[in-house]
Amino acid sequence: MEKPAESVDQQGVRSVQRALGILGLLTDDRPILSVRDIVEATGLAKTTVLRLVSTLEQNGLLWATTGGYMAGPGLWRWAHLARRSWELPPETQSSMRELAARNRETVNLYVARDVYRVCVAQQESPQPLRHVVQVGDELPMWAGASSKVLLRDAGPALLERIAKGSPHGPGHAAVIREWIDETAQNGFGESHGEREEGLSAVAAPIIGRSGTVVAALSLSGPTIRFTPDRVAAFAADLIEMARQISERGFNSPFGA
């Protein structure tokens, strides 16, 4: 008997999610996966894993090698496309390097994607003790200096969804709104230990041609180094640098 279309569609979506989950297991620390690794990490049956791995291999997304499977050559095309889509103009990259060297803290550039903020570029601090986020990482929007900047134009529905996913519950939406308003009034956002204890950040908005916030430029590092005087200096530098980037034009990969 033929299965209902909805059931078939759901199975297809589940298979895609499982396949992407397998690819997501590949990391710098674990560049090769065995079938056993995948079974243990996903909880899927071995037969299911073998079927998914075979499909990924046929499409060039995995490559069989001694000891298991590594990233396949098919990912190179996607990686090249992603790099071209996300690569910042040379002037902006240079500005971020100068900002990190001058302030000796890590510089990040974030854009909003629904209830997350995504790091699209980073220049690490030259100091041994520093804060590092990988390009492509998604961080929650319920806290953090960059979130307060990126959410300036957000509506109540989005804030409610963000708050529901936070450890503080739905009532946190009102707190986020207060943060956003204060940030808009000051021209910059700051945070101290809101998401991670001992971590502070300052962020300024990058404005698009339509007048909306399209990205957040931030400096982050250990809270002990983010004294009131330094926060004020960081904010002034970030605001000026963000203004220059805004004037040159900034196109988000998400179309903002």
Protein backbone atom coordinates (compact mmCIF):
# COMPACT_ATOMS: atom_id res chain seq x y z
CA MET A 1 0.00 0.00 0.00
CA GLU A 2 1.36 3.41 -0.97
CA LYS A 3 2.25 5.65 1.97
CA PRO A 4 0.57 9.07 2.28
CA ALA A 5 2.54 11.90 0.68
CA GLU A 6 2.91 13.68 4.02
CA SER A 7 4.50 10.60 5.58
CA VAL A 8 6.93 10.25 2.68
CA ASP A 9 7.84 13.92 2.93
CA GLN A 10 8.46 13.62 6.67
CA GLN A 11 10.70 10.61 6.12
CA GLY A 12 12.63 12.53 3.46
CA VAL A 13 13.16 15.50 5.77
CA ARG A 14 14.27 13.18 8.58
CA SER A 15 16.80 11.50 6.27
CA VAL A 16 18.22 14.87 5.24
CA GLN A 17 18.50 15.94 8.88
CA ARG A 18 20.28 12.71 9.77
CA ALA A 19 22.69 13.04 6.84
CA LEU A 20 23.54 16.62 7.81
CA GLY A 21 23.97 15.47 11.39
CA ILE A 22 26.59 12.96 10.25
CA LEU A 23 28.49 15.64 8.33
CA GLY A 24 28.31 17.84 11.42
CA LEU A 25 30.26 15.23 13.39
CA LEU A 26 33.37 16.03 11.37
CA THR A 27 35.61 18.50 13.22
CA ASP A 28 39.23 19.61 13.31
CA ASP A 29 39.76 17.25 16.23
CA ARG A 30 37.90 14.39 14.52
CA PRO A 31 38.48 14.62 10.75
CA ILE A 32 37.77 10.90 10.19
CA LEU A 33 34.66 9.04 11.35
CA SER A 34 34.16 5.31 11.60
CA VAL A 35 30.72 3.75 11.25
CA ARG A 36 30.94 2.89 14.93
CA ASP A 37 31.65 6.56 15.78
CA ILE A 38 28.54 7.62 13.88
CA VAL A 39 26.34 4.95 15.46
CA GLU A 40 27.47 5.94 18.96
CA ALA A 41 27.09 9.68 18.32
CA THR A 42 23.68 9.54 16.62
CA GLY A 43 22.04 6.51 18.21
CA LEU A 44 20.96 5.36 14.75
CA ALA A 45 20.90 1.71 13.73
CA LYS A 46 24.02 0.51 11.93
CA THR A 47 22.00 -0.34 8.81
CA THR A 48 20.62 3.22 8.71
CA VAL A 49 24.09 4.70 9.14
CA LEU A 50 25.50 2.53 6.35
CA ARG A 51 22.70 3.64 4.02
CA LEU A 52 23.21 7.34 4.81
CA VAL A 53 26.99 7.09 4.56
CA SER A 54 26.72 5.34 1.21
CA THR A 55 24.44 8.10 -0.13
CA LEU A 56 26.78 10.83 1.11
CA GLU A 57 29.76 9.04 -0.44
CA GLN A 58 27.99 8.67 -3.79
CA ASN A 59 27.40 12.41 -3.82
CA GLY A 60 31.00 13.21 -2.96
CA LEU A 61 30.22 14.59 0.50
CA LEU A 62 32.11 11.80 2.28
CA TRP A 63 35.24 9.96 1.18
CA ALA A 64 36.12 6.43 2.30
CA THR A 65 39.62 6.18 3.71
CA THR A 66 41.63 4.03 6.08
CA GLY A 67 39.79 3.95 9.38
CA GLY A 68 36.54 5.46 8.20
CA TYR A 69 35.18 8.44 6.30
CA MET A 70 36.52 11.95 5.84
CA ALA A 71 35.07 15.09 4.22
CA GLY A 72 34.54 14.44 0.53
CA PRO A 73 35.69 16.50 -2.48
CA GLY A 74 32.10 17.54 -3.19
CA LEU A 75 32.29 19.83 -0.17
CA TRP A 76 35.03 21.88 -1.82
CA ARG A 77 32.52 23.39 -4.25
CA TRP A 78 30.23 24.37 -1.40
CA ALA A 79 33.15 25.70 0.63
CA HIS A 80 34.33 27.82 -2.31
CA LEU A 81 30.81 29.20 -2.84
CA ALA A 82 30.39 29.95 0.86
CA ARG A 83 33.73 31.71 1.04
CA ARG A 84 32.88 33.92 -1.93
CA SER A 85 29.45 34.71 -0.50
CA TRP A 86 30.71 35.55 2.98
CA GLU A 87 34.07 37.13 2.23
CA LEU A 88 34.33 40.72 3.37
CA PRO A 89 35.75 43.52 1.22
CA PRO A 90 39.52 44.04 1.72
CA GLU A 91 38.90 47.44 3.32
CA THR A 92 36.64 45.93 5.98
CA GLN A 93 39.09 43.12 6.69
CA SER A 94 41.86 45.69 7.08
CA SER A 95 39.68 47.76 9.43
CA MET A 96 39.06 44.74 11.63
CA ARG A 97 42.78 43.93 11.80
CA GLU A 98 43.56 47.51 12.80
CA LEU A 99 40.80 47.47 15.41
CA ALA A 100 42.13 44.27 17.00
CA ALA A 101 45.73 45.50 16.99
CA ARG A 102 44.81 48.89 18.44
CA ASN A 103 42.54 47.60 21.23
CA ARG A 104 44.21 44.21 21.73
CA GLU A 105 40.87 42.40 21.98
CA THR A 106 39.09 40.03 19.59
CA VAL A 107 36.99 41.66 16.88
CA ASN A 108 33.87 39.89 15.62
CA LEU A 109 31.31 40.73 12.99
CA TYR A 110 27.83 39.27 13.52
CA VAL A 111 24.66 39.20 11.46
CA ALA A 112 21.20 38.09 12.61
CA ARG A 113 19.55 34.88 11.46
CA ASP A 114 16.17 34.47 13.12
CA VAL A 115 16.77 33.77 16.84
CA TYR A 116 20.54 33.45 16.38
CA ARG A 117 23.47 35.72 15.61
CA VAL A 118 26.06 34.29 13.25
CA CYS A 119 29.75 35.18 13.29
CA VAL A 120 30.71 36.03 9.70
CA ALA A 121 34.24 37.34 10.37
CA GLN A 122 36.77 37.48 13.17
CA GLN A 123 40.16 38.96 13.98
CA GLU A 124 41.68 37.40 17.08
CA SER A 125 43.22 39.37 19.92
CA PRO A 126 47.03 39.26 20.03
CA GLN A 127 46.89 38.50 23.76
CA PRO A 128 47.28 34.93 25.08
CA LEU A 129 44.06 35.16 27.12
CA ARG A 130 41.37 36.01 24.60
CA HIS A 131 37.86 35.23 23.45
CA VAL A 132 37.51 33.31 20.19
CA VAL A 133 34.38 32.40 18.22
CA GLN A 134 34.65 30.36 15.05
CA VAL A 135 33.38 31.92 11.82
CA GLY A 136 30.01 30.35 11.11
CA ASP A 137 29.16 29.78 14.79
CA GLU A 138 25.58 30.51 15.80
CA LEU A 139 25.07 32.11 19.20
CA PRO A 140 21.76 32.78 20.98
CA MET A 141 20.24 36.24 20.87
CA TRP A 142 18.92 36.32 24.44
CA ALA A 143 22.15 37.91 25.70
CA GLY A 144 25.31 39.64 24.54
CA ALA A 145 26.32 43.08 23.33
CA SER A 146 25.94 42.18 19.66
CA SER A 147 22.41 40.84 20.21
CA LYS A 148 21.35 44.13 21.77
CA VAL A 149 22.59 45.89 18.65
CA LEU A 150 21.17 43.45 16.09
CA LEU A 151 17.69 43.41 17.66
CA ARG A 152 17.15 47.16 17.41
CA ASP A 153 14.45 46.78 14.75
CA ALA A 154 12.99 43.49 16.07
CA GLY A 155 9.28 43.15 16.70
CA PRO A 156 7.55 41.71 19.80
CA ALA A 157 6.95 38.28 18.21
CA LEU A 158 10.65 37.70 17.57
CA LEU A 159 11.63 38.85 21.05
CA GLU A 160 9.08 36.48 22.56
CA ARG A 161 10.49 33.54 20.61
CA ILE A 162 14.03 34.45 21.66
CA ALA A 163 12.97 34.75 25.29
CA LYS A 164 11.18 31.38 25.26
CA GLY A 165 14.40 29.72 24.14
CA SER A 166 16.45 31.40 26.88
CA PRO A 167 17.20 29.99 30.33
CA HIS A 168 15.19 32.90 31.77
CA GLY A 169 11.82 32.06 30.21
CA PRO A 170 9.20 34.17 28.37
CA GLY A 171 9.43 37.05 30.82
CA HIS A 172 12.94 37.75 29.57
CA ALA A 173 11.43 39.48 26.51
CA ALA A 174 10.80 42.61 28.59
CA VAL A 175 14.43 42.64 29.75
CA ILE A 176 15.68 42.26 26.17
CA ARG A 177 13.49 45.19 25.12
CA GLU A 178 15.02 47.35 27.86
CA TRP A 179 18.51 46.36 26.73
CA ILE A 180 17.68 47.21 23.11
CA ASP A 181 16.29 50.63 24.01
CA GLU A 182 19.29 51.47 26.19
CA THR A 183 21.67 50.34 23.46
CA ALA A 184 19.90 52.41 20.82
CA GLN A 185 20.07 55.47 23.06
CA ASN A 186 23.78 55.01 23.84
CA GLY A 187 24.78 54.12 20.30
CA PHE A 188 26.49 50.91 21.45
CA GLY A 189 25.78 47.78 23.47
CA GLU A 190 27.79 46.15 26.22
CA SER A 191 27.55 42.92 28.17
CA HIS A 192 29.37 41.43 31.13
CA GLY A 193 28.96 37.75 31.94
CA GLU A 194 25.43 37.54 30.53
CA ARG A 195 26.00 34.41 28.44
CA GLU A 196 29.34 33.22 29.75
CA GLU A 197 30.81 34.16 33.13
CA GLY A 198 34.00 36.19 32.89
CA LEU A 199 33.33 37.29 29.31
CA SER A 200 32.55 40.88 28.28
CA ALA A 201 31.85 42.57 24.97
CA VAL A 202 31.07 45.94 23.42
CA ALA A 203 29.31 46.27 20.06
CA ALA A 204 28.24 48.97 17.61
CA PRO A 205 25.71 48.79 14.75
CA ILE A 206 26.50 48.67 11.05
CA ILE A 207 23.66 50.36 9.20
CA GLY A 208 22.40 49.34 5.77
CA ARG A 209 21.16 51.57 2.97
CA SER A 210 17.59 51.23 4.22
CA GLY A 211 18.56 52.59 7.63
CA THR A 212 18.19 49.27 9.44
CA VAL A 213 20.87 47.45 11.42
CA VAL A 214 22.47 44.81 9.18
CA ALA A 215 25.41 43.73 11.35
CA ALA A 216 27.16 44.25 14.67
CA LEU A 217 30.86 44.98 15.07
CA SER A 218 32.18 43.94 18.46
CA LEU A 219 35.21 43.70 20.72
CA SER A 220 35.20 40.89 23.27
CA GLY A 221 37.50 39.48 25.93
CA PRO A 222 37.94 38.73 29.63
CA THR A 223 35.74 40.88 31.87
CA ILE A 224 38.74 41.85 34.00
CA ARG A 225 40.07 43.91 31.08
CA PHE A 226 36.74 45.60 30.31
CA THR A 227 36.89 48.39 32.87
CA PRO A 228 34.52 51.39 32.52
CA ASP A 229 37.27 53.55 30.99
CA ARG A 230 38.24 50.88 28.47
CA VAL A 231 34.60 50.17 27.60
CA ALA A 232 34.14 53.87 26.78
CA ALA A 233 37.25 53.84 24.60
CA PHE A 234 36.20 50.59 22.89
CA ALA A 235 32.74 52.01 22.19
CA ALA A 236 34.11 55.18 20.61
CA ASP A 237 36.46 53.21 18.37
CA LEU A 238 33.76 50.70 17.38
CA ILE A 239 31.21 53.40 16.58
CA GLU A 240 33.64 55.19 14.29
CA MET A 241 34.75 51.98 12.57
CA ALA A 242 31.15 50.79 12.16
CA ARG A 243 30.25 54.16 10.63
CA GLN A 244 33.01 53.79 8.06
CA ILE A 245 31.90 50.25 7.17
CA SER A 246 28.30 51.45 6.90
CA GLU A 247 29.31 54.22 4.50
CA ARG A 248 31.20 51.75 2.29
CA GLY A 249 28.14 49.49 2.22
CA PHE A 250 27.72 46.11 3.83
CA ASN A 251 25.81 43.26 2.21
CA SER A 252 24.72 40.44 4.50
CA PRO A 253 24.59 36.90 3.10
CA PHE A 254 21.05 36.79 4.50
CA GLY A 255 19.93 39.66 2.32
CA ALA A 256 19.64 42.36 4.98
